[in-house]
């Protein structure tokens, strides 16, 4: 199992239940092929630059372990999600 970290930004204007649903969706995808580690919700922060004409985003960081195929599926699901405006997946084992 490889250690990964995903950081994603959800639209700040969404209702709290939709934000939680987006976080839950990410956890489900990870659980299907790996194991969810620490979940760190940073909350609403100002973006460094406007993304899709939005100035604020709801930041979430999740550490997880999984096989080499898991990040590809997670990336695909995050790209098609309407709630997520940006994401990045990092392999923490790679130096």
PDB file of N, CA and C in Angstrom:
ATOM      1  N   UNK A   1       0.838  -1.184   0.000  1.00  0.00           N
ATOM      2  CA  UNK A   1       0.000   0.000   0.000  1.00  0.00           C
ATOM      3  C   UNK A   1       0.888   1.254   0.000  1.00  0.00           C
ATOM      4  N   UNK A   2       0.489   2.225  -0.775  1.00  0.00           N
ATOM      5  CA  UNK A   2       1.240   3.466  -0.937  1.00  0.00           C
ATOM      6  C   UNK A   2       0.503   4.575  -0.186  1.00  0.00           C
ATOM      7  N   UNK A   3       1.252   5.456   0.460  1.00  0.00           N
ATOM      8  CA  UNK A   3       0.673   6.594   1.188  1.00  0.00           C
ATOM      9  C   UNK A   3       0.436   7.758   0.228  1.00  0.00           C
ATOM     10  N   UNK A   4      -0.775   8.307   0.275  1.00  0.00           N
ATOM     11  CA  UNK A   4      -1.162   9.438  -0.559  1.00  0.00           C
ATOM     12  C   UNK A   4      -1.810  10.514   0.301  1.00  0.00           C
ATOM     13  N   UNK A   5      -1.939  11.694  -0.310  1.00  0.00           N
ATOM     14  CA  UNK A   5      -2.671  12.797   0.301  1.00  0.00           C
ATOM     15  C   UNK A   5      -3.434  13.504  -0.814  1.00  0.00           C
ATOM     16  N   UNK A   6      -4.695  13.787  -0.558  1.00  0.00           N
ATOM     17  CA  UNK A   6      -5.493  14.536  -1.527  1.00  0.00           C
ATOM     18  C   UNK A   6      -5.968  15.820  -0.854  1.00  0.00           C
ATOM     19  N   UNK A   7      -5.802  16.923  -1.564  1.00  0.00           N
ATOM     20  CA  UNK A   7      -6.347  18.203  -1.114  1.00  0.00           C
ATOM     21  C   UNK A   7      -7.317  18.651  -2.189  1.00  0.00           C
ATOM     22  N   UNK A   8      -8.521  19.017  -1.760  1.00  0.00           N
ATOM     23  CA  UNK A   8      -9.491  19.503  -2.728  1.00  0.00           C
ATOM     24  C   UNK A   8     -10.227  20.701  -2.165  1.00  0.00           C
ATOM     25  N   UNK A   9     -10.696  21.537  -3.089  1.00  0.00           N
ATOM     26  CA  UNK A   9     -11.410  22.761  -2.736  1.00  0.00           C
ATOM     27  C   UNK A   9     -12.832  22.639  -3.257  1.00  0.00           C
ATOM     28  N   UNK A  10     -13.775  22.790  -2.348  1.00  0.00           N
ATOM     29  CA  UNK A  10     -15.194  22.726  -2.684  1.00  0.00           C
ATOM     30  C   UNK A  10     -15.722  24.158  -2.750  1.00  0.00           C
ATOM     31  N   UNK A  11     -16.726  24.391  -3.588  1.00  0.00           N
ATOM     32  CA  UNK A  11     -17.340  25.716  -3.670  1.00  0.00           C
ATOM     33  C   UNK A  11     -17.837  26.155  -2.296  1.00  0.00           C
ATOM     34  N   UNK A  12     -17.431  27.327  -1.848  1.00  0.00           N
ATOM     35  CA  UNK A  12     -17.806  27.827  -0.519  1.00  0.00           C
ATOM     36  C   UNK A  12     -19.289  28.178  -0.438  1.00  0.00           C
ATOM     37  N   UNK A  13     -19.929  28.465  -1.569  1.00  0.00           N
ATOM     38  CA  UNK A  13     -21.325  28.894  -1.576  1.00  0.00           C
ATOM     39  C   UNK A  13     -22.306  27.737  -1.363  1.00  0.00           C
ATOM     40  N   UNK A  14     -21.841  26.507  -1.447  1.00  0.00           N
ATOM     41  CA  UNK A  14     -22.735  25.352  -1.278  1.00  0.00           C
ATOM     42  C   UNK A  14     -23.211  25.232   0.162  1.00  0.00           C
ATOM     43  N   UNK A  15     -24.373  24.589   0.348  1.00  0.00           N
ATOM     44  CA  UNK A  15     -24.887  24.339   1.691  1.00  0.00           C
ATOM     45  C   UNK A  15     -23.985  23.316   2.381  1.00  0.00           C
ATOM     46  N   UNK A  16     -24.021  23.312   3.719  1.00  0.00           N
ATOM     47  CA  UNK A  16     -23.154  22.420   4.495  1.00  0.00           C
ATOM     48  C   UNK A  16     -23.386  20.953   4.172  1.00  0.00           C
ATOM     49  N   UNK A  17     -24.642  20.551   3.944  1.00  0.00           N
ATOM     50  CA  UNK A  17     -24.901  19.142   3.656  1.00  0.00           C
ATOM     51  C   UNK A  17     -24.303  18.712   2.320  1.00  0.00           C
ATOM     52  N   UNK A  18     -24.256  19.621   1.339  1.00  0.00           N
ATOM     53  CA  UNK A  18     -23.641  19.301   0.047  1.00  0.00           C
ATOM     54  C   UNK A  18     -22.123  19.230   0.167  1.00  0.00           C
ATOM     55  N   UNK A  19     -21.544  20.083   1.028  1.00  0.00           N
ATOM     56  CA  UNK A  19     -20.097  20.001   1.276  1.00  0.00           C
ATOM     57  C   UNK A  19     -19.755  18.662   1.919  1.00  0.00           C
ATOM     58  N   UNK A  20     -20.554  18.265   2.916  1.00  0.00           N
ATOM     59  CA  UNK A  20     -20.335  16.986   3.591  1.00  0.00           C
ATOM     60  C   UNK A  20     -20.533  15.817   2.628  1.00  0.00           C
ATOM     61  N   UNK A  21     -21.472  15.941   1.714  1.00  0.00           N
ATOM     62  CA  UNK A  21     -21.705  14.890   0.720  1.00  0.00           C
ATOM     63  C   UNK A  21     -20.500  14.742  -0.202  1.00  0.00           C
ATOM     64  N   UNK A  22     -19.876  15.866  -0.573  1.00  0.00           N
ATOM     65  CA  UNK A  22     -18.687  15.822  -1.428  1.00  0.00           C
ATOM     66  C   UNK A  22     -17.529  15.148  -0.696  1.00  0.00           C
ATOM     67  N   UNK A  23     -17.341  15.487   0.580  1.00  0.00           N
ATOM     68  CA  UNK A  23     -16.291  14.855   1.387  1.00  0.00           C
ATOM     69  C   UNK A  23     -16.593  13.365   1.537  1.00  0.00           C
ATOM     70  N   UNK A  24     -17.857  13.022   1.754  1.00  0.00           N
ATOM     71  CA  UNK A  24     -18.268  11.630   1.874  1.00  0.00           C
ATOM     72  C   UNK A  24     -18.016  10.842   0.597  1.00  0.00           C
ATOM     73  N   UNK A  25     -18.253  11.469  -0.558  1.00  0.00           N
ATOM     74  CA  UNK A  25     -18.002  10.821  -1.837  1.00  0.00           C
ATOM     75  C   UNK A  25     -16.526  10.474  -1.984  1.00  0.00           C
ATOM     76  N   UNK A  26     -15.645  11.404  -1.598  1.00  0.00           N
ATOM     77  CA  UNK A  26     -14.204  11.156  -1.679  1.00  0.00           C
ATOM     78  C   UNK A  26     -13.810  10.006  -0.750  1.00  0.00           C
ATOM     79  N   UNK A  27     -14.368  10.000   0.453  1.00  0.00           N
ATOM     80  CA  UNK A  27     -14.080   8.917   1.398  1.00  0.00           C
ATOM     81  C   UNK A  27     -14.549   7.566   0.862  1.00  0.00           C
ATOM     82  N   UNK A  28     -15.710   7.549   0.202  1.00  0.00           N
ATOM     83  CA  UNK A  28     -16.238   6.307  -0.384  1.00  0.00           C
ATOM     84  C   UNK A  28     -15.308   5.770  -1.462  1.00  0.00           C
ATOM     85  N   UNK A  29     -14.844   6.649  -2.347  1.00  0.00           N
ATOM     86  CA  UNK A  29     -13.949   6.234  -3.429  1.00  0.00           C
ATOM     87  C   UNK A  29     -12.657   5.661  -2.842  1.00  0.00           C
ATOM     88  N   UNK A  30     -12.124   6.323  -1.819  1.00  0.00           N
ATOM     89  CA  UNK A  30     -10.896   5.855  -1.187  1.00  0.00           C
ATOM     90  C   UNK A  30     -11.136   4.513  -0.503  1.00  0.00           C
ATOM     91  N   UNK A  31     -12.233   4.372   0.221  1.00  0.00           N
ATOM     92  CA  UNK A  31     -12.537   3.138   0.951  1.00  0.00           C
ATOM     93  C   UNK A  31     -12.714   1.944   0.019  1.00  0.00           C
ATOM     94  N   UNK A  32     -13.151   2.182  -1.221  1.00  0.00           N
ATOM     95  CA  UNK A  32     -13.365   1.092  -2.172  1.00  0.00           C
ATOM     96  C   UNK A  32     -12.053   0.400  -2.544  1.00  0.00           C
ATOM     97  N   UNK A  33     -10.939   1.153  -2.555  1.00  0.00           N
ATOM     98  CA  UNK A  33      -9.676   0.549  -2.961  1.00  0.00           C
ATOM     99  C   UNK A  33      -8.531   0.802  -2.009  1.00  0.00           C
ATOM    100  N   UNK A  34      -8.814   1.348  -0.841  1.00  0.00           N
ATOM    101  CA  UNK A  34      -7.751   1.667   0.102  1.00  0.00           C
ATOM    102  C   UNK A  34      -8.299   1.929   1.481  1.00  0.00           C
ATOM    103  N   UNK A  35      -7.569   2.726   2.232  1.00  0.00           N
ATOM    104  CA  UNK A  35      -7.952   3.001   3.616  1.00  0.00           C
ATOM    105  C   UNK A  35      -7.814   4.501   3.890  1.00  0.00           C
ATOM    106  N   UNK A  36      -8.879   5.098   4.425  1.00  0.00           N
ATOM    107  CA  UNK A  36      -8.890   6.526   4.751  1.00  0.00           C
ATOM    108  C   UNK A  36      -8.089   6.738   6.037  1.00  0.00           C
ATOM    109  N   UNK A  37      -7.186   7.703   6.010  1.00  0.00           N
ATOM    110  CA  UNK A  37      -6.414   8.053   7.202  1.00  0.00           C
ATOM    111  C   UNK A  37      -6.984   9.294   7.857  1.00  0.00           C
ATOM    112  N   UNK A  38      -6.109  10.253   8.126  1.00  0.00           N
ATOM    113  CA  UNK A  38      -6.518  11.490   8.794  1.00  0.00           C
ATOM    114  C   UNK A  38      -7.282  12.400   7.837  1.00  0.00           C
ATOM    115  N   UNK A  39      -8.411  12.934   8.309  1.00  0.00           N
ATOM    116  CA  UNK A  39      -9.215  13.894   7.544  1.00  0.00           C
ATOM    117  C   UNK A  39      -9.076  15.244   8.234  1.00  0.00           C
ATOM    118  N   UNK A  40      -8.595  16.237   7.493  1.00  0.00           N
ATOM    119  CA  UNK A  40      -8.360  17.556   8.051  1.00  0.00           C
ATOM    120  C   UNK A  40      -9.181  18.578   7.257  1.00  0.00           C
ATOM    121  N   UNK A  41     -10.238  19.103   7.871  1.00  0.00           N
ATOM    122  CA  UNK A  41     -11.085  20.103   7.217  1.00  0.00           C
ATOM    123  C   UNK A  41     -10.581  21.485   7.628  1.00  0.00           C
ATOM    124  N   UNK A  42     -10.071  22.229   6.669  1.00  0.00           N
ATOM    125  CA  UNK A  42      -9.563  23.565   6.945  1.00  0.00           C
ATOM    126  C   UNK A  42     -10.677  24.589   6.978  1.00  0.00           C
ATOM    127  N   UNK A  43     -11.782  24.313   6.318  1.00  0.00           N
ATOM    128  CA  UNK A  43     -12.898  25.244   6.289  1.00  0.00           C
ATOM    129  C   UNK A  43     -12.784  26.239   5.139  1.00  0.00           C
ATOM    130  N   UNK A  44     -13.531  27.314   5.231  1.00  0.00           N
ATOM    131  CA  UNK A  44     -13.571  28.317   4.168  1.00  0.00           C
ATOM    132  C   UNK A  44     -12.374  29.257   4.280  1.00  0.00           C
ATOM    133  N   UNK A  45     -11.649  29.376   3.188  1.00  0.00           N
ATOM    134  CA  UNK A  45     -10.469  30.253   3.116  1.00  0.00           C
ATOM    135  C   UNK A  45     -10.542  31.063   1.828  1.00  0.00           C
ATOM    136  N   UNK A  46      -9.854  32.182   1.831  1.00  0.00           N
ATOM    137  CA  UNK A  46      -9.746  33.009   0.630  1.00  0.00           C
ATOM    138  C   UNK A  46      -8.778  32.333  -0.333  1.00  0.00           C
ATOM    139  N   UNK A  47      -9.139  32.272  -1.610  1.00  0.00           N
ATOM    140  CA  UNK A  47      -8.272  31.690  -2.621  1.00  0.00           C
ATOM    141  C   UNK A  47      -7.150  32.659  -2.975  1.00  0.00           C
ATOM    142  N   UNK A  48      -6.012  32.134  -3.373  1.00  0.00           N
ATOM    143  CA  UNK A  48      -4.873  32.973  -3.765  1.00  0.00           C
ATOM    144  C   UNK A  48      -5.196  33.769  -5.027  1.00  0.00           C
ATOM    145  N   UNK A  49      -6.013  33.188  -5.890  1.00  0.00           N
ATOM    146  CA  UNK A  49      -6.459  33.869  -7.105  1.00  0.00           C
ATOM    147  C   UNK A  49      -7.847  33.337  -7.448  1.00  0.00           C
ATOM    148  N   UNK A  50      -8.651  34.105  -8.155  1.00  0.00           N
ATOM    149  CA  UNK A  50     -10.004  33.646  -8.477  1.00  0.00           C
ATOM    150  C   UNK A  50      -9.994  32.381  -9.331  1.00  0.00           C
ATOM    151  N   UNK A  51     -10.851  31.426  -8.982  1.00  0.00           N
ATOM    152  CA  UNK A  51     -11.046  30.211  -9.761  1.00  0.00           C
ATOM    153  C   UNK A  51     -12.527  30.174 -10.129  1.00  0.00           C
ATOM    154  N   UNK A  52     -12.809  30.122 -11.423  1.00  0.00           N
ATOM    155  CA  UNK A  52     -14.190  30.122 -11.922  1.00  0.00           C
ATOM    156  C   UNK A  52     -14.982  31.299 -11.330  1.00  0.00           C
ATOM    157  N   UNK A  53     -14.337  32.454 -11.243  1.00  0.00           N
ATOM    158  CA  UNK A  53     -14.924  33.701 -10.719  1.00  0.00           C
ATOM    159  C   UNK A  53     -15.333  33.603  -9.247  1.00  0.00           C
ATOM    160  N   UNK A  54     -14.699  32.711  -8.504  1.00  0.00           N
ATOM    161  CA  UNK A  54     -14.962  32.562  -7.068  1.00  0.00           C
ATOM    162  C   UNK A  54     -13.711  32.971  -6.299  1.00  0.00           C
ATOM    163  N   UNK A  55     -13.906  33.645  -5.166  1.00  0.00           N
ATOM    164  CA  UNK A  55     -12.778  34.126  -4.376  1.00  0.00           C
ATOM    165  C   UNK A  55     -12.546  33.338  -3.100  1.00  0.00           C
ATOM    166  N   UNK A  56     -13.494  32.467  -2.723  1.00  0.00           N
ATOM    167  CA  UNK A  56     -13.355  31.661  -1.518  1.00  0.00           C
ATOM    168  C   UNK A  56     -13.622  30.201  -1.834  1.00  0.00           C
ATOM    169  N   UNK A  57     -13.014  29.317  -1.043  1.00  0.00           N
ATOM    170  CA  UNK A  57     -13.230  27.888  -1.212  1.00  0.00           C
ATOM    171  C   UNK A  57     -13.200  27.183   0.128  1.00  0.00           C
ATOM    172  N   UNK A  58     -13.777  25.998   0.171  1.00  0.00           N
ATOM    173  CA  UNK A  58     -13.832  25.165   1.374  1.00  0.00           C
ATOM    174  C   UNK A  58     -12.775  24.075   1.204  1.00  0.00           C
ATOM    175  N   UNK A  59     -11.703  24.161   1.986  1.00  0.00           N
ATOM    176  CA  UNK A  59     -10.546  23.281   1.831  1.00  0.00           C
ATOM    177  C   UNK A  59     -10.670  22.022   2.689  1.00  0.00           C
ATOM    178  N   UNK A  60     -10.296  20.871   2.095  1.00  0.00           N
ATOM    179  CA  UNK A  60     -10.271  19.597   2.812  1.00  0.00           C
ATOM    180  C   UNK A  60      -9.005  18.840   2.403  1.00  0.00           C
ATOM    181  N   UNK A  61      -8.306  18.262   3.388  1.00  0.00           N
ATOM    182  CA  UNK A  61      -7.123  17.440   3.139  1.00  0.00           C
ATOM    183  C   UNK A  61      -7.380  16.062   3.750  1.00  0.00           C
ATOM    184  N   UNK A  62      -7.166  15.012   2.947  1.00  0.00           N
ATOM    185  CA  UNK A  62      -7.358  13.638   3.426  1.00  0.00           C
ATOM    186  C   UNK A  62      -6.111  12.830   3.125  1.00  0.00           C
ATOM    187  N   UNK A  63      -5.560  12.192   4.154  1.00  0.00           N
ATOM    188  CA  UNK A  63      -4.455  11.253   3.977  1.00  0.00           C
ATOM    189  C   UNK A  63      -5.060   9.874   3.805  1.00  0.00           C
ATOM    190  N   UNK A  64      -4.483   9.070   2.892  1.00  0.00           N
ATOM    191  CA  UNK A  64      -5.007   7.720   2.675  1.00  0.00           C
ATOM    192  C   UNK A  64      -3.926   6.801   2.121  1.00  0.00           C
ATOM    193  N   UNK A  65      -4.183   5.505   2.196  1.00  0.00           N
ATOM    194  CA  UNK A  65      -3.295   4.511   1.602  1.00  0.00           C
ATOM    195  C   UNK A  65      -4.096   3.716   0.588  1.00  0.00           C
ATOM    196  N   UNK A  66      -3.415   3.246  -0.442  1.00  0.00           N
ATOM    197  CA  UNK A  66      -4.103   2.476  -1.472  1.00  0.00           C
ATOM    198  C   UNK A  66      -3.139   1.953  -2.506  1.00  0.00           C
ATOM    199  N   UNK A  67      -3.672   1.226  -3.481  1.00  0.00           N
ATOM    200  CA  UNK A  67      -2.844   0.700  -4.564  1.00  0.00           C
ATOM    201  C   UNK A  67      -2.590   1.796  -5.596  1.00  0.00           C
ATOM    202  N   UNK A  68      -1.828   1.475  -6.620  1.00  0.00           N
ATOM    203  CA  UNK A  68      -1.442   2.473  -7.620  1.00  0.00           C
ATOM    204  C   UNK A  68      -2.607   2.926  -8.495  1.00  0.00           C
ATOM    205  N   UNK A  69      -3.684   2.153  -8.572  1.00  0.00           N
ATOM    206  CA  UNK A  69      -4.830   2.509  -9.408  1.00  0.00           C
ATOM    207  C   UNK A  69      -5.790   3.480  -8.720  1.00  0.00           C
ATOM    208  N   UNK A  70      -5.771   3.513  -7.398  1.00  0.00           N
ATOM    209  CA  UNK A  70      -6.721   4.337  -6.641  1.00  0.00           C
ATOM    210  C   UNK A  70      -6.642   5.831  -6.975  1.00  0.00           C
ATOM    211  N   UNK A  71      -5.452   6.434  -7.049  1.00  0.00           N
ATOM    212  CA  UNK A  71      -5.410   7.876  -7.384  1.00  0.00           C
ATOM    213  C   UNK A  71      -6.002   8.195  -8.760  1.00  0.00           C
ATOM    214  N   UNK A  72      -5.868   7.286  -9.708  1.00  0.00           N
ATOM    215  CA  UNK A  72      -6.432   7.521 -11.047  1.00  0.00           C
ATOM    216  C   UNK A  72      -7.956   7.598 -10.984  1.00  0.00           C
ATOM    217  N   UNK A  73      -8.570   6.662 -10.248  1.00  0.00           N
ATOM    218  CA  UNK A  73     -10.027   6.661 -10.108  1.00  0.00           C
ATOM    219  C   UNK A  73     -10.495   7.878  -9.313  1.00  0.00           C
ATOM    220  N   UNK A  74      -9.776   8.217  -8.241  1.00  0.00           N
ATOM    221  CA  UNK A  74     -10.134   9.385  -7.434  1.00  0.00           C
ATOM    222  C   UNK A  74     -10.030  10.661  -8.267  1.00  0.00           C
ATOM    223  N   UNK A  75      -8.987  10.790  -9.059  1.00  0.00           N
ATOM    224  CA  UNK A  75      -8.812  11.948  -9.932  1.00  0.00           C
ATOM    225  C   UNK A  75      -9.975  12.050 -10.920  1.00  0.00           C
ATOM    226  N   UNK A  76     -10.366  10.928 -11.497  1.00  0.00           N
ATOM    227  CA  UNK A  76     -11.475  10.917 -12.453  1.00  0.00           C
ATOM    228  C   UNK A  76     -12.769  11.381 -11.796  1.00  0.00           C
ATOM    229  N   UNK A  77     -13.047  10.888 -10.592  1.00  0.00           N
ATOM    230  CA  UNK A  77     -14.285  11.243  -9.887  1.00  0.00           C
ATOM    231  C   UNK A  77     -14.284  12.713  -9.452  1.00  0.00           C
ATOM    232  N   UNK A  78     -13.114  13.229  -9.031  1.00  0.00           N
ATOM    233  CA  UNK A  78     -13.040  14.633  -8.615  1.00  0.00           C
ATOM    234  C   UNK A  78     -13.208  15.573  -9.810  1.00  0.00           C
ATOM    235  N   UNK A  79     -12.701  15.176 -10.978  1.00  0.00           N
ATOM    236  CA  UNK A  79     -12.829  16.006 -12.181  1.00  0.00           C
ATOM    237  C   UNK A  79     -14.286  16.173 -12.611  1.00  0.00           C
ATOM    238  N   UNK A  80     -15.096  15.127 -12.451  1.00  0.00           N
ATOM    239  CA  UNK A  80     -16.484  15.212 -12.916  1.00  0.00           C
ATOM    240  C   UNK A  80     -17.432  15.754 -11.847  1.00  0.00           C
ATOM    241  N   UNK A  81     -16.935  15.943 -10.632  1.00  0.00           N
ATOM    242  CA  UNK A  81     -17.772  16.478  -9.555  1.00  0.00           C
ATOM    243  C   UNK A  81     -18.005  17.973  -9.762  1.00  0.00           C
ATOM    244  N   UNK A  82     -19.262  18.383  -9.667  1.00  0.00           N
ATOM    245  CA  UNK A  82     -19.600  19.803  -9.822  1.00  0.00           C
ATOM    246  C   UNK A  82     -19.210  20.623  -8.602  1.00  0.00           C
ATOM    247  N   UNK A  83     -19.148  19.989  -7.429  1.00  0.00           N
ATOM    248  CA  UNK A  83     -18.857  20.709  -6.187  1.00  0.00           C
ATOM    249  C   UNK A  83     -17.381  21.058  -6.049  1.00  0.00           C
ATOM    250  N   UNK A  84     -16.496  20.227  -6.604  1.00  0.00           N
ATOM    251  CA  UNK A  84     -15.051  20.414  -6.440  1.00  0.00           C
ATOM    252  C   UNK A  84     -14.530  21.333  -7.539  1.00  0.00           C
ATOM    253  N   UNK A  85     -13.840  22.417  -7.121  1.00  0.00           N
ATOM    254  CA  UNK A  85     -13.315  23.356  -8.120  1.00  0.00           C
ATOM    255  C   UNK A  85     -11.823  23.151  -8.386  1.00  0.00           C
ATOM    256  N   UNK A  86     -11.084  22.537  -7.454  1.00  0.00           N
ATOM    257  CA  UNK A  86      -9.666  22.220  -7.653  1.00  0.00           C
ATOM    258  C   UNK A  86      -9.303  21.033  -6.768  1.00  0.00           C
ATOM    259  N   UNK A  87      -8.326  20.245  -7.216  1.00  0.00           N
ATOM    260  CA  UNK A  87      -7.819  19.145  -6.392  1.00  0.00           C
ATOM    261  C   UNK A  87      -6.397  18.786  -6.794  1.00  0.00           C
ATOM    262  N   UNK A  88      -5.696  18.147  -5.873  1.00  0.00           N
ATOM    263  CA  UNK A  88      -4.360  17.634  -6.150  1.00  0.00           C
ATOM    264  C   UNK A  88      -4.162  16.381  -5.302  1.00  0.00           C
ATOM    265  N   UNK A  89      -3.558  15.361  -5.922  1.00  0.00           N
ATOM    266  CA  UNK A  89      -3.263  14.106  -5.237  1.00  0.00           C
ATOM    267  C   UNK A  89      -1.750  13.941  -5.232  1.00  0.00           C
ATOM    268  N   UNK A  90      -1.189  13.707  -4.044  1.00  0.00           N
ATOM    269  CA  UNK A  90       0.263  13.621  -3.869  1.00  0.00           C
ATOM    270  C   UNK A  90       0.637  12.246  -3.350  1.00  0.00           C
ATOM    271  N   UNK A  91       1.676  11.647  -3.940  1.00  0.00           N
ATOM    272  CA  UNK A  91       2.254  10.405  -3.420  1.00  0.00           C
ATOM    273  C   UNK A  91       3.256  10.792  -2.347  1.00  0.00           C
ATOM    274  N   UNK A  92       2.945  10.502  -1.083  1.00  0.00           N
ATOM    275  CA  UNK A  92       3.808  10.922   0.023  1.00  0.00           C
ATOM    276  C   UNK A  92       5.051  10.053   0.168  1.00  0.00           C
ATOM    277  N   UNK A  93       5.058   8.861  -0.446  1.00  0.00           N
ATOM    278  CA  UNK A  93       6.221   7.982  -0.359  1.00  0.00           C
ATOM    279  C   UNK A  93       7.300   8.380  -1.349  1.00  0.00           C
ATOM    280  N   UNK A  94       6.936   9.060  -2.430  1.00  0.00           N
ATOM    281  CA  UNK A  94       7.886   9.455  -3.455  1.00  0.00           C
ATOM    282  C   UNK A  94       8.692  10.651  -2.977  1.00  0.00           C
ATOM    283  N   UNK A  95       9.995  10.560  -3.070  1.00  0.00           N
ATOM    284  CA  UNK A  95      10.858  11.664  -2.630  1.00  0.00           C
ATOM    285  C   UNK A  95      11.421  12.404  -3.804  1.00  0.00           C
TER     286      UNK A  95
END
